[in-house]
């Protein structure tokens, strides 16, 4: 049986797992030994990421009809461009 405190800690750490920046901030705060600043800083970090990603989604949704309209040149090259970018970033991460 897992206590509520253990469940919250597990959820918090699992939420940080895919984000290296979150881990670096978490470890930096732990190194200062001021445990009371962990949650406000991580909360601000999460809100910043959420705001940035929300703005990106809004811009893309506004540009979607313009860029992906019928007969648009961007609509034809978009799959190739996105696959190339993903492949390039993957290679960059390996190197």
PDB file of N, CA and C in Angstrom:
ATOM      1  N   UNK A   1       0.843  -1.182   0.000  1.00  0.00           N
ATOM      2  CA  UNK A   1       0.000   0.000   0.000  1.00  0.00           C
ATOM      3  C   UNK A   1       0.885   1.242   0.000  1.00  0.00           C
ATOM      4  N   UNK A   2       0.663   2.134  -0.957  1.00  0.00           N
ATOM      5  CA  UNK A   2       1.473   3.339  -1.102  1.00  0.00           C
ATOM      6  C   UNK A   2       0.727   4.521  -0.489  1.00  0.00           C
ATOM      7  N   UNK A   3       1.432   5.296   0.331  1.00  0.00           N
ATOM      8  CA  UNK A   3       0.805   6.456   0.969  1.00  0.00           C
ATOM      9  C   UNK A   3       0.590   7.571  -0.048  1.00  0.00           C
ATOM     10  N   UNK A   4      -0.234   8.527   0.339  1.00  0.00           N
ATOM     11  CA  UNK A   4      -0.514   9.668  -0.534  1.00  0.00           C
ATOM     12  C   UNK A   4       0.761  10.469  -0.800  1.00  0.00           C
ATOM     13  N   UNK A   5       1.598  10.634   0.219  1.00  0.00           N
ATOM     14  CA  UNK A   5       2.851  11.373   0.058  1.00  0.00           C
ATOM     15  C   UNK A   5       3.747  10.688  -0.972  1.00  0.00           C
ATOM     16  N   UNK A   6       3.854   9.367  -0.907  1.00  0.00           N
ATOM     17  CA  UNK A   6       4.677   8.625  -1.862  1.00  0.00           C
ATOM     18  C   UNK A   6       4.095   8.727  -3.268  1.00  0.00           C
ATOM     19  N   UNK A   7       2.771   8.717  -3.377  1.00  0.00           N
ATOM     20  CA  UNK A   7       2.136   8.856  -4.687  1.00  0.00           C
ATOM     21  C   UNK A   7       2.422  10.225  -5.294  1.00  0.00           C
ATOM     22  N   UNK A   8       2.361  11.277  -4.478  1.00  0.00           N
ATOM     23  CA  UNK A   8       2.636  12.629  -4.975  1.00  0.00           C
ATOM     24  C   UNK A   8       4.094  12.775  -5.411  1.00  0.00           C
ATOM     25  N   UNK A   9       5.008  12.228  -4.627  1.00  0.00           N
ATOM     26  CA  UNK A   9       6.427  12.297  -4.989  1.00  0.00           C
ATOM     27  C   UNK A   9       6.684  11.524  -6.275  1.00  0.00           C
ATOM     28  N   UNK A  10       6.083  10.353  -6.404  1.00  0.00           N
ATOM     29  CA  UNK A  10       6.245   9.551  -7.621  1.00  0.00           C
ATOM     30  C   UNK A  10       5.687  10.290  -8.838  1.00  0.00           C
ATOM     31  N   UNK A  11       4.527  10.901  -8.703  1.00  0.00           N
ATOM     32  CA  UNK A  11       3.949  11.667  -9.805  1.00  0.00           C
ATOM     33  C   UNK A  11       4.799  12.865 -10.177  1.00  0.00           C
ATOM     34  N   UNK A  12       5.349  13.544  -9.174  1.00  0.00           N
ATOM     35  CA  UNK A  12       6.202  14.705  -9.415  1.00  0.00           C
ATOM     36  C   UNK A  12       7.462  14.301 -10.169  1.00  0.00           C
ATOM     37  N   UNK A  13       8.115  13.250  -9.727  1.00  0.00           N
ATOM     38  CA  UNK A  13       9.348  12.796 -10.373  1.00  0.00           C
ATOM     39  C   UNK A  13       9.062  12.241 -11.765  1.00  0.00           C
ATOM     40  N   UNK A  14       7.960  11.537 -11.934  1.00  0.00           N
ATOM     41  CA  UNK A  14       7.594  11.005 -13.241  1.00  0.00           C
ATOM     42  C   UNK A  14       7.298  12.140 -14.223  1.00  0.00           C
ATOM     43  N   UNK A  15       6.692  13.214 -13.745  1.00  0.00           N
ATOM     44  CA  UNK A  15       6.428  14.368 -14.600  1.00  0.00           C
ATOM     45  C   UNK A  15       7.703  15.055 -15.045  1.00  0.00           C
ATOM     46  N   UNK A  16       8.740  15.007 -14.211  1.00  0.00           N
ATOM     47  CA  UNK A  16      10.010  15.623 -14.575  1.00  0.00           C
ATOM     48  C   UNK A  16      10.850  14.733 -15.488  1.00  0.00           C
ATOM     49  N   UNK A  17      10.579  13.454 -15.506  1.00  0.00           N
ATOM     50  CA  UNK A  17      11.449  12.498 -16.191  1.00  0.00           C
ATOM     51  C   UNK A  17      11.779  12.868 -17.636  1.00  0.00           C
ATOM     52  N   UNK A  18      10.822  13.269 -18.473  1.00  0.00           N
ATOM     53  CA  UNK A  18      11.199  13.553 -19.861  1.00  0.00           C
ATOM     54  C   UNK A  18      11.867  14.915 -20.058  1.00  0.00           C
ATOM     55  N   UNK A  19      11.951  15.717 -19.027  1.00  0.00           N
ATOM     56  CA  UNK A  19      12.445  17.085 -19.196  1.00  0.00           C
ATOM     57  C   UNK A  19      13.782  17.268 -18.486  1.00  0.00           C
ATOM     58  N   UNK A  20      14.856  17.348 -19.258  1.00  0.00           N
ATOM     59  CA  UNK A  20      16.181  17.521 -18.671  1.00  0.00           C
ATOM     60  C   UNK A  20      16.351  18.890 -18.018  1.00  0.00           C
ATOM     61  N   UNK A  21      15.718  19.911 -18.568  1.00  0.00           N
ATOM     62  CA  UNK A  21      15.798  21.226 -17.946  1.00  0.00           C
ATOM     63  C   UNK A  21      15.133  21.215 -16.575  1.00  0.00           C
ATOM     64  N   UNK A  22      14.007  20.518 -16.466  1.00  0.00           N
ATOM     65  CA  UNK A  22      13.331  20.394 -15.174  1.00  0.00           C
ATOM     66  C   UNK A  22      14.209  19.705 -14.149  1.00  0.00           C
ATOM     67  N   UNK A  23      14.892  18.652 -14.568  1.00  0.00           N
ATOM     68  CA  UNK A  23      15.807  17.940 -13.667  1.00  0.00           C
ATOM     69  C   UNK A  23      16.959  18.832 -13.254  1.00  0.00           C
ATOM     70  N   UNK A  24      17.508  19.601 -14.183  1.00  0.00           N
ATOM     71  CA  UNK A  24      18.645  20.456 -13.824  1.00  0.00           C
ATOM     72  C   UNK A  24      18.221  21.527 -12.829  1.00  0.00           C
ATOM     73  N   UNK A  25      17.042  22.104 -13.010  1.00  0.00           N
ATOM     74  CA  UNK A  25      16.542  23.086 -12.050  1.00  0.00           C
ATOM     75  C   UNK A  25      16.296  22.426 -10.700  1.00  0.00           C
ATOM     76  N   UNK A  26      15.713  21.239 -10.708  1.00  0.00           N
ATOM     77  CA  UNK A  26      15.435  20.495  -9.487  1.00  0.00           C
ATOM     78  C   UNK A  26      16.729  20.209  -8.724  1.00  0.00           C
ATOM     79  N   UNK A  27      17.761  19.756  -9.424  1.00  0.00           N
ATOM     80  CA  UNK A  27      19.034  19.442  -8.776  1.00  0.00           C
ATOM     81  C   UNK A  27      19.735  20.714  -8.285  1.00  0.00           C
ATOM     82  N   UNK A  28      19.618  21.808  -9.033  1.00  0.00           N
ATOM     83  CA  UNK A  28      20.206  23.070  -8.608  1.00  0.00           C
ATOM     84  C   UNK A  28      19.580  23.546  -7.302  1.00  0.00           C
ATOM     85  N   UNK A  29      18.271  23.448  -7.211  1.00  0.00           N
ATOM     86  CA  UNK A  29      17.585  23.870  -5.991  1.00  0.00           C
ATOM     87  C   UNK A  29      17.942  22.950  -4.829  1.00  0.00           C
ATOM     88  N   UNK A  30      18.033  21.652  -5.096  1.00  0.00           N
ATOM     89  CA  UNK A  30      18.428  20.720  -4.038  1.00  0.00           C
ATOM     90  C   UNK A  30      19.837  21.024  -3.531  1.00  0.00           C
ATOM     91  N   UNK A  31      20.718  21.463  -4.405  1.00  0.00           N
ATOM     92  CA  UNK A  31      22.085  21.756  -3.986  1.00  0.00           C
ATOM     93  C   UNK A  31      22.154  22.984  -3.079  1.00  0.00           C
ATOM     94  N   UNK A  32      21.171  23.877  -3.161  1.00  0.00           N
ATOM     95  CA  UNK A  32      21.148  25.040  -2.277  1.00  0.00           C
ATOM     96  C   UNK A  32      20.600  24.701  -0.898  1.00  0.00           C
ATOM     97  N   UNK A  33      20.042  23.510  -0.751  1.00  0.00           N
ATOM     98  CA  UNK A  33      19.470  23.015   0.509  1.00  0.00           C
ATOM     99  C   UNK A  33      18.310  23.875   1.006  1.00  0.00           C
ATOM    100  N   UNK A  34      17.675  24.577   0.099  1.00  0.00           N
ATOM    101  CA  UNK A  34      16.475  25.345   0.436  1.00  0.00           C
ATOM    102  C   UNK A  34      15.286  24.631  -0.193  1.00  0.00           C
ATOM    103  N   UNK A  35      14.784  23.631   0.501  1.00  0.00           N
ATOM    104  CA  UNK A  35      13.759  22.743  -0.048  1.00  0.00           C
ATOM    105  C   UNK A  35      12.441  23.461  -0.314  1.00  0.00           C
ATOM    106  N   UNK A  36      12.189  24.595   0.349  1.00  0.00           N
ATOM    107  CA  UNK A  36      10.910  25.284   0.196  1.00  0.00           C
ATOM    108  C   UNK A  36      10.798  26.029  -1.128  1.00  0.00           C
ATOM    109  N   UNK A  37      11.888  26.164  -1.849  1.00  0.00           N
ATOM    110  CA  UNK A  37      11.812  26.857  -3.141  1.00  0.00           C
ATOM    111  C   UNK A  37      11.611  25.888  -4.310  1.00  0.00           C
ATOM    112  N   UNK A  38      11.643  24.584  -4.042  1.00  0.00           N
ATOM    113  CA  UNK A  38      11.514  23.612  -5.130  1.00  0.00           C
ATOM    114  C   UNK A  38      10.182  23.744  -5.848  1.00  0.00           C
ATOM    115  N   UNK A  39       9.083  23.669  -5.117  1.00  0.00           N
ATOM    116  CA  UNK A  39       7.779  23.649  -5.765  1.00  0.00           C
ATOM    117  C   UNK A  39       7.419  24.959  -6.460  1.00  0.00           C
ATOM    118  N   UNK A  40       7.691  26.130  -5.864  1.00  0.00           N
ATOM    119  CA  UNK A  40       7.393  27.365  -6.621  1.00  0.00           C
ATOM    120  C   UNK A  40       8.213  27.515  -7.906  1.00  0.00           C
ATOM    121  N   UNK A  41       9.483  27.119  -7.865  1.00  0.00           N
ATOM    122  CA  UNK A  41      10.320  27.247  -9.058  1.00  0.00           C
ATOM    123  C   UNK A  41       9.866  26.266 -10.133  1.00  0.00           C
ATOM    124  N   UNK A  42       9.590  25.019  -9.758  1.00  0.00           N
ATOM    125  CA  UNK A  42       9.115  24.039 -10.735  1.00  0.00           C
ATOM    126  C   UNK A  42       7.750  24.449 -11.289  1.00  0.00           C
ATOM    127  N   UNK A  43       6.899  25.015 -10.442  1.00  0.00           N
ATOM    128  CA  UNK A  43       5.595  25.488 -10.911  1.00  0.00           C
ATOM    129  C   UNK A  43       5.767  26.625 -11.924  1.00  0.00           C
ATOM    130  N   UNK A  44       6.648  27.580 -11.619  1.00  0.00           N
ATOM    131  CA  UNK A  44       6.896  28.675 -12.558  1.00  0.00           C
ATOM    132  C   UNK A  44       7.498  28.151 -13.862  1.00  0.00           C
ATOM    133  N   UNK A  45       8.404  27.183 -13.754  1.00  0.00           N
ATOM    134  CA  UNK A  45       9.002  26.566 -14.933  1.00  0.00           C
ATOM    135  C   UNK A  45       7.921  25.897 -15.798  1.00  0.00           C
ATOM    136  N   UNK A  46       7.045  25.153 -15.165  1.00  0.00           N
ATOM    137  CA  UNK A  46       5.959  24.478 -15.886  1.00  0.00           C
ATOM    138  C   UNK A  46       5.001  25.465 -16.533  1.00  0.00           C
ATOM    139  N   UNK A  47       4.683  26.540 -15.830  1.00  0.00           N
ATOM    140  CA  UNK A  47       3.791  27.554 -16.401  1.00  0.00           C
ATOM    141  C   UNK A  47       4.447  28.260 -17.594  1.00  0.00           C
ATOM    142  N   UNK A  48       5.752  28.473 -17.497  1.00  0.00           N
ATOM    143  CA  UNK A  48       6.468  29.080 -18.622  1.00  0.00           C
ATOM    144  C   UNK A  48       6.446  28.188 -19.848  1.00  0.00           C
ATOM    145  N   UNK A  49       6.696  26.900 -19.640  1.00  0.00           N
ATOM    146  CA  UNK A  49       6.655  25.953 -20.760  1.00  0.00           C
ATOM    147  C   UNK A  49       5.249  25.878 -21.343  1.00  0.00           C
ATOM    148  N   UNK A  50       4.242  25.815 -20.462  1.00  0.00           N
ATOM    149  CA  UNK A  50       2.863  25.741 -20.932  1.00  0.00           C
ATOM    150  C   UNK A  50       2.501  26.981 -21.750  1.00  0.00           C
ATOM    151  N   UNK A  51       2.924  28.150 -21.296  1.00  0.00           N
ATOM    152  CA  UNK A  51       2.622  29.387 -22.023  1.00  0.00           C
ATOM    153  C   UNK A  51       3.297  29.406 -23.394  1.00  0.00           C
ATOM    154  N   UNK A  52       4.569  29.017 -23.429  1.00  0.00           N
ATOM    155  CA  UNK A  52       5.297  29.016 -24.707  1.00  0.00           C
ATOM    156  C   UNK A  52       4.668  28.034 -25.686  1.00  0.00           C
ATOM    157  N   UNK A  53       4.355  26.843 -25.225  1.00  0.00           N
ATOM    158  CA  UNK A  53       3.753  25.853 -26.125  1.00  0.00           C
ATOM    159  C   UNK A  53       2.355  26.269 -26.567  1.00  0.00           C
ATOM    160  N   UNK A  54       1.611  26.917 -25.682  1.00  0.00           N
ATOM    161  CA  UNK A  54       0.276  27.395 -26.057  1.00  0.00           C
ATOM    162  C   UNK A  54       0.363  28.464 -27.134  1.00  0.00           C
ATOM    163  N   UNK A  55       1.336  29.363 -27.016  1.00  0.00           N
ATOM    164  CA  UNK A  55       1.510  30.381 -28.052  1.00  0.00           C
ATOM    165  C   UNK A  55       1.900  29.764 -29.393  1.00  0.00           C
ATOM    166  N   UNK A  56       2.752  28.755 -29.355  1.00  0.00           N
ATOM    167  CA  UNK A  56       3.135  28.075 -30.596  1.00  0.00           C
ATOM    168  C   UNK A  56       1.919  27.427 -31.241  1.00  0.00           C
ATOM    169  N   UNK A  57       1.081  26.787 -30.432  1.00  0.00           N
ATOM    170  CA  UNK A  57      -0.126  26.147 -30.965  1.00  0.00           C
ATOM    171  C   UNK A  57      -1.060  27.185 -31.572  1.00  0.00           C
ATOM    172  N   UNK A  58      -1.224  28.332 -30.917  1.00  0.00           N
ATOM    173  CA  UNK A  58      -2.097  29.377 -31.452  1.00  0.00           C
ATOM    174  C   UNK A  58      -1.580  29.913 -32.786  1.00  0.00           C
ATOM    175  N   UNK A  59      -0.288  30.156 -32.868  1.00  0.00           N
ATOM    176  CA  UNK A  59       0.291  30.672 -34.116  1.00  0.00           C
ATOM    177  C   UNK A  59       0.134  29.654 -35.228  1.00  0.00           C
ATOM    178  N   UNK A  60       0.418  28.400 -34.938  1.00  0.00           N
ATOM    179  CA  UNK A  60       0.302  27.361 -35.966  1.00  0.00           C
ATOM    180  C   UNK A  60      -1.143  27.185 -36.404  1.00  0.00           C
ATOM    181  N   UNK A  61      -2.077  27.221 -35.458  1.00  0.00           N
ATOM    182  CA  UNK A  61      -3.481  27.059 -35.850  1.00  0.00           C
ATOM    183  C   UNK A  61      -3.965  28.243 -36.687  1.00  0.00           C
ATOM    184  N   UNK A  62      -3.461  29.444 -36.421  1.00  0.00           N
ATOM    185  CA  UNK A  62      -3.839  30.600 -37.243  1.00  0.00           C
ATOM    186  C   UNK A  62      -3.226  30.515 -38.642  1.00  0.00           C
ATOM    187  N   UNK A  63      -1.999  30.010 -38.731  1.00  0.00           N
ATOM    188  CA  UNK A  63      -1.323  29.928 -40.025  1.00  0.00           C
ATOM    189  C   UNK A  63      -1.715  28.689 -40.833  1.00  0.00           C
ATOM    190  N   UNK A  64      -2.383  27.739 -40.192  1.00  0.00           N
ATOM    191  CA  UNK A  64      -2.681  26.472 -40.860  1.00  0.00           C
ATOM    192  C   UNK A  64      -3.513  26.667 -42.129  1.00  0.00           C
ATOM    193  N   UNK A  65      -4.548  27.446 -42.044  1.00  0.00           N
ATOM    194  CA  UNK A  65      -5.398  27.624 -43.226  1.00  0.00           C
ATOM    195  C   UNK A  65      -4.656  28.347 -44.344  1.00  0.00           C
ATOM    196  N   UNK A  66      -3.772  29.258 -43.972  1.00  0.00           N
ATOM    197  CA  UNK A  66      -3.005  29.989 -44.982  1.00  0.00           C
ATOM    198  C   UNK A  66      -1.954  29.091 -45.624  1.00  0.00           C
ATOM    199  N   UNK A  67      -1.223  28.360 -44.800  1.00  0.00           N
ATOM    200  CA  UNK A  67      -0.114  27.558 -45.309  1.00  0.00           C
ATOM    201  C   UNK A  67      -0.562  26.242 -45.946  1.00  0.00           C
ATOM    202  N   UNK A  68      -1.637  25.666 -45.427  1.00  0.00           N
ATOM    203  CA  UNK A  68      -2.032  24.343 -45.895  1.00  0.00           C
ATOM    204  C   UNK A  68      -3.277  24.376 -46.779  1.00  0.00           C
ATOM    205  N   UNK A  69      -3.553  25.498 -47.379  1.00  0.00           N
ATOM    206  CA  UNK A  69      -4.714  25.622 -48.249  1.00  0.00           C
ATOM    207  C   UNK A  69      -4.587  24.768 -49.502  1.00  0.00           C
ATOM    208  N   UNK A  70      -5.647  24.706 -50.250  1.00  0.00           N
ATOM    209  CA  UNK A  70      -5.691  23.908 -51.485  1.00  0.00           C
ATOM    210  C   UNK A  70      -4.666  24.412 -52.480  1.00  0.00           C
ATOM    211  N   UNK A  71      -3.799  23.525 -52.953  1.00  0.00           N
ATOM    212  CA  UNK A  71      -2.801  23.863 -53.950  1.00  0.00           C
ATOM    213  C   UNK A  71      -1.610  24.634 -53.408  1.00  0.00           C
ATOM    214  N   UNK A  72      -1.474  24.685 -52.095  1.00  0.00           N
ATOM    215  CA  UNK A  72      -0.360  25.420 -51.502  1.00  0.00           C
ATOM    216  C   UNK A  72       0.940  24.642 -51.677  1.00  0.00           C
ATOM    217  N   UNK A  73       2.017  25.342 -52.004  1.00  0.00           N
ATOM    218  CA  UNK A  73       3.318  24.681 -52.168  1.00  0.00           C
ATOM    219  C   UNK A  73       3.807  24.139 -50.830  1.00  0.00           C
ATOM    220  N   UNK A  74       3.459  24.822 -49.725  1.00  0.00           N
ATOM    221  CA  UNK A  74       3.900  24.372 -48.415  1.00  0.00           C
ATOM    222  C   UNK A  74       3.228  23.064 -48.013  1.00  0.00           C
ATOM    223  N   UNK A  75       1.970  22.884 -48.442  1.00  0.00           N
ATOM    224  CA  UNK A  75       1.256  21.642 -48.127  1.00  0.00           C
ATOM    225  C   UNK A  75       1.911  20.444 -48.801  1.00  0.00           C
ATOM    226  N   UNK A  76       2.529  20.681 -49.967  1.00  0.00           N
ATOM    227  CA  UNK A  76       3.171  19.584 -50.681  1.00  0.00           C
ATOM    228  C   UNK A  76       4.519  19.203 -50.069  1.00  0.00           C
ATOM    229  N   UNK A  77       5.272  20.189 -49.575  1.00  0.00           N
ATOM    230  CA  UNK A  77       6.592  19.868 -49.030  1.00  0.00           C
ATOM    231  C   UNK A  77       6.600  19.682 -47.516  1.00  0.00           C
ATOM    232  N   UNK A  78       5.488  19.954 -46.855  1.00  0.00           N
ATOM    233  CA  UNK A  78       5.428  19.882 -45.397  1.00  0.00           C
ATOM    234  C   UNK A  78       5.805  18.521 -44.826  1.00  0.00           C
ATOM    235  N   UNK A  79       5.293  17.393 -45.359  1.00  0.00           N
ATOM    236  CA  UNK A  79       5.696  16.096 -44.796  1.00  0.00           C
ATOM    237  C   UNK A  79       7.187  15.816 -44.946  1.00  0.00           C
ATOM    238  N   UNK A  80       7.743  16.176 -46.087  1.00  0.00           N
ATOM    239  CA  UNK A  80       9.178  15.953 -46.313  1.00  0.00           C
ATOM    240  C   UNK A  80      10.004  16.860 -45.403  1.00  0.00           C
ATOM    241  N   UNK A  81       9.594  18.100 -45.263  1.00  0.00           N
ATOM    242  CA  UNK A  81      10.308  19.050 -44.419  1.00  0.00           C
ATOM    243  C   UNK A  81      10.287  18.619 -42.951  1.00  0.00           C
ATOM    244  N   UNK A  82       9.123  18.215 -42.445  1.00  0.00           N
ATOM    245  CA  UNK A  82       9.040  17.823 -41.037  1.00  0.00           C
ATOM    246  C   UNK A  82       9.827  16.541 -40.776  1.00  0.00           C
ATOM    247  N   UNK A  83       9.766  15.585 -41.683  1.00  0.00           N
ATOM    248  CA  UNK A  83      10.548  14.357 -41.511  1.00  0.00           C
ATOM    249  C   UNK A  83      12.041  14.650 -41.546  1.00  0.00           C
ATOM    250  N   UNK A  84      12.453  15.541 -42.428  1.00  0.00           N
ATOM    251  CA  UNK A  84      13.871  15.906 -42.504  1.00  0.00           C
ATOM    252  C   UNK A  84      14.345  16.602 -41.238  1.00  0.00           C
ATOM    253  N   UNK A  85      13.513  17.501 -40.698  1.00  0.00           N
ATOM    254  CA  UNK A  85      13.870  18.179 -39.453  1.00  0.00           C
ATOM    255  C   UNK A  85      13.978  17.197 -38.289  1.00  0.00           C
ATOM    256  N   UNK A  86      13.028  16.289 -38.174  1.00  0.00           N
ATOM    257  CA  UNK A  86      13.081  15.288 -37.105  1.00  0.00           C
ATOM    258  C   UNK A  86      14.317  14.405 -37.235  1.00  0.00           C
ATOM    259  N   UNK A  87      14.616  14.000 -38.444  1.00  0.00           N
ATOM    260  CA  UNK A  87      15.799  13.167 -38.669  1.00  0.00           C
ATOM    261  C   UNK A  87      17.077  13.940 -38.329  1.00  0.00           C
ATOM    262  N   UNK A  88      17.124  15.211 -38.734  1.00  0.00           N
ATOM    263  CA  UNK A  88      18.288  16.046 -38.433  1.00  0.00           C
ATOM    264  C   UNK A  88      18.485  16.243 -36.940  1.00  0.00           C
ATOM    265  N   UNK A  89      17.404  16.503 -36.209  1.00  0.00           N
ATOM    266  CA  UNK A  89      17.507  16.657 -34.756  1.00  0.00           C
ATOM    267  C   UNK A  89      17.930  15.353 -34.088  1.00  0.00           C
ATOM    268  N   UNK A  90      17.454  14.226 -34.581  1.00  0.00           N
ATOM    269  CA  UNK A  90      17.840  12.934 -34.015  1.00  0.00           C
ATOM    270  C   UNK A  90      19.324  12.684 -34.219  1.00  0.00           C
ATOM    271  N   UNK A  91      19.828  12.984 -35.416  1.00  0.00           N
ATOM    272  CA  UNK A  91      21.252  12.820 -35.687  1.00  0.00           C
ATOM    273  C   UNK A  91      22.073  13.770 -34.810  1.00  0.00           C
ATOM    274  N   UNK A  92      21.597  15.014 -34.673  1.00  0.00           N
ATOM    275  CA  UNK A  92      22.286  16.008 -33.856  1.00  0.00           C
ATOM    276  C   UNK A  92      22.387  15.550 -32.401  1.00  0.00           C
ATOM    277  N   UNK A  93      21.340  14.902 -31.876  1.00  0.00           N
ATOM    278  CA  UNK A  93      21.345  14.422 -30.496  1.00  0.00           C
ATOM    279  C   UNK A  93      22.323  13.278 -30.308  1.00  0.00           C
ATOM    280  N   UNK A  94      22.512  12.471 -31.334  1.00  0.00           N
ATOM    281  CA  UNK A  94      23.423  11.331 -31.249  1.00  0.00           C
ATOM    282  C   UNK A  94      24.871  11.800 -31.278  1.00  0.00           C
ATOM    283  N   UNK A  95      25.124  12.828 -32.073  1.00  0.00           N
ATOM    284  CA  UNK A  95      26.516  13.311 -32.231  1.00  0.00           C
ATOM    285  C   UNK A  95      26.936  14.060 -31.038  1.00  0.00           C
TER     286      UNK A  95
END
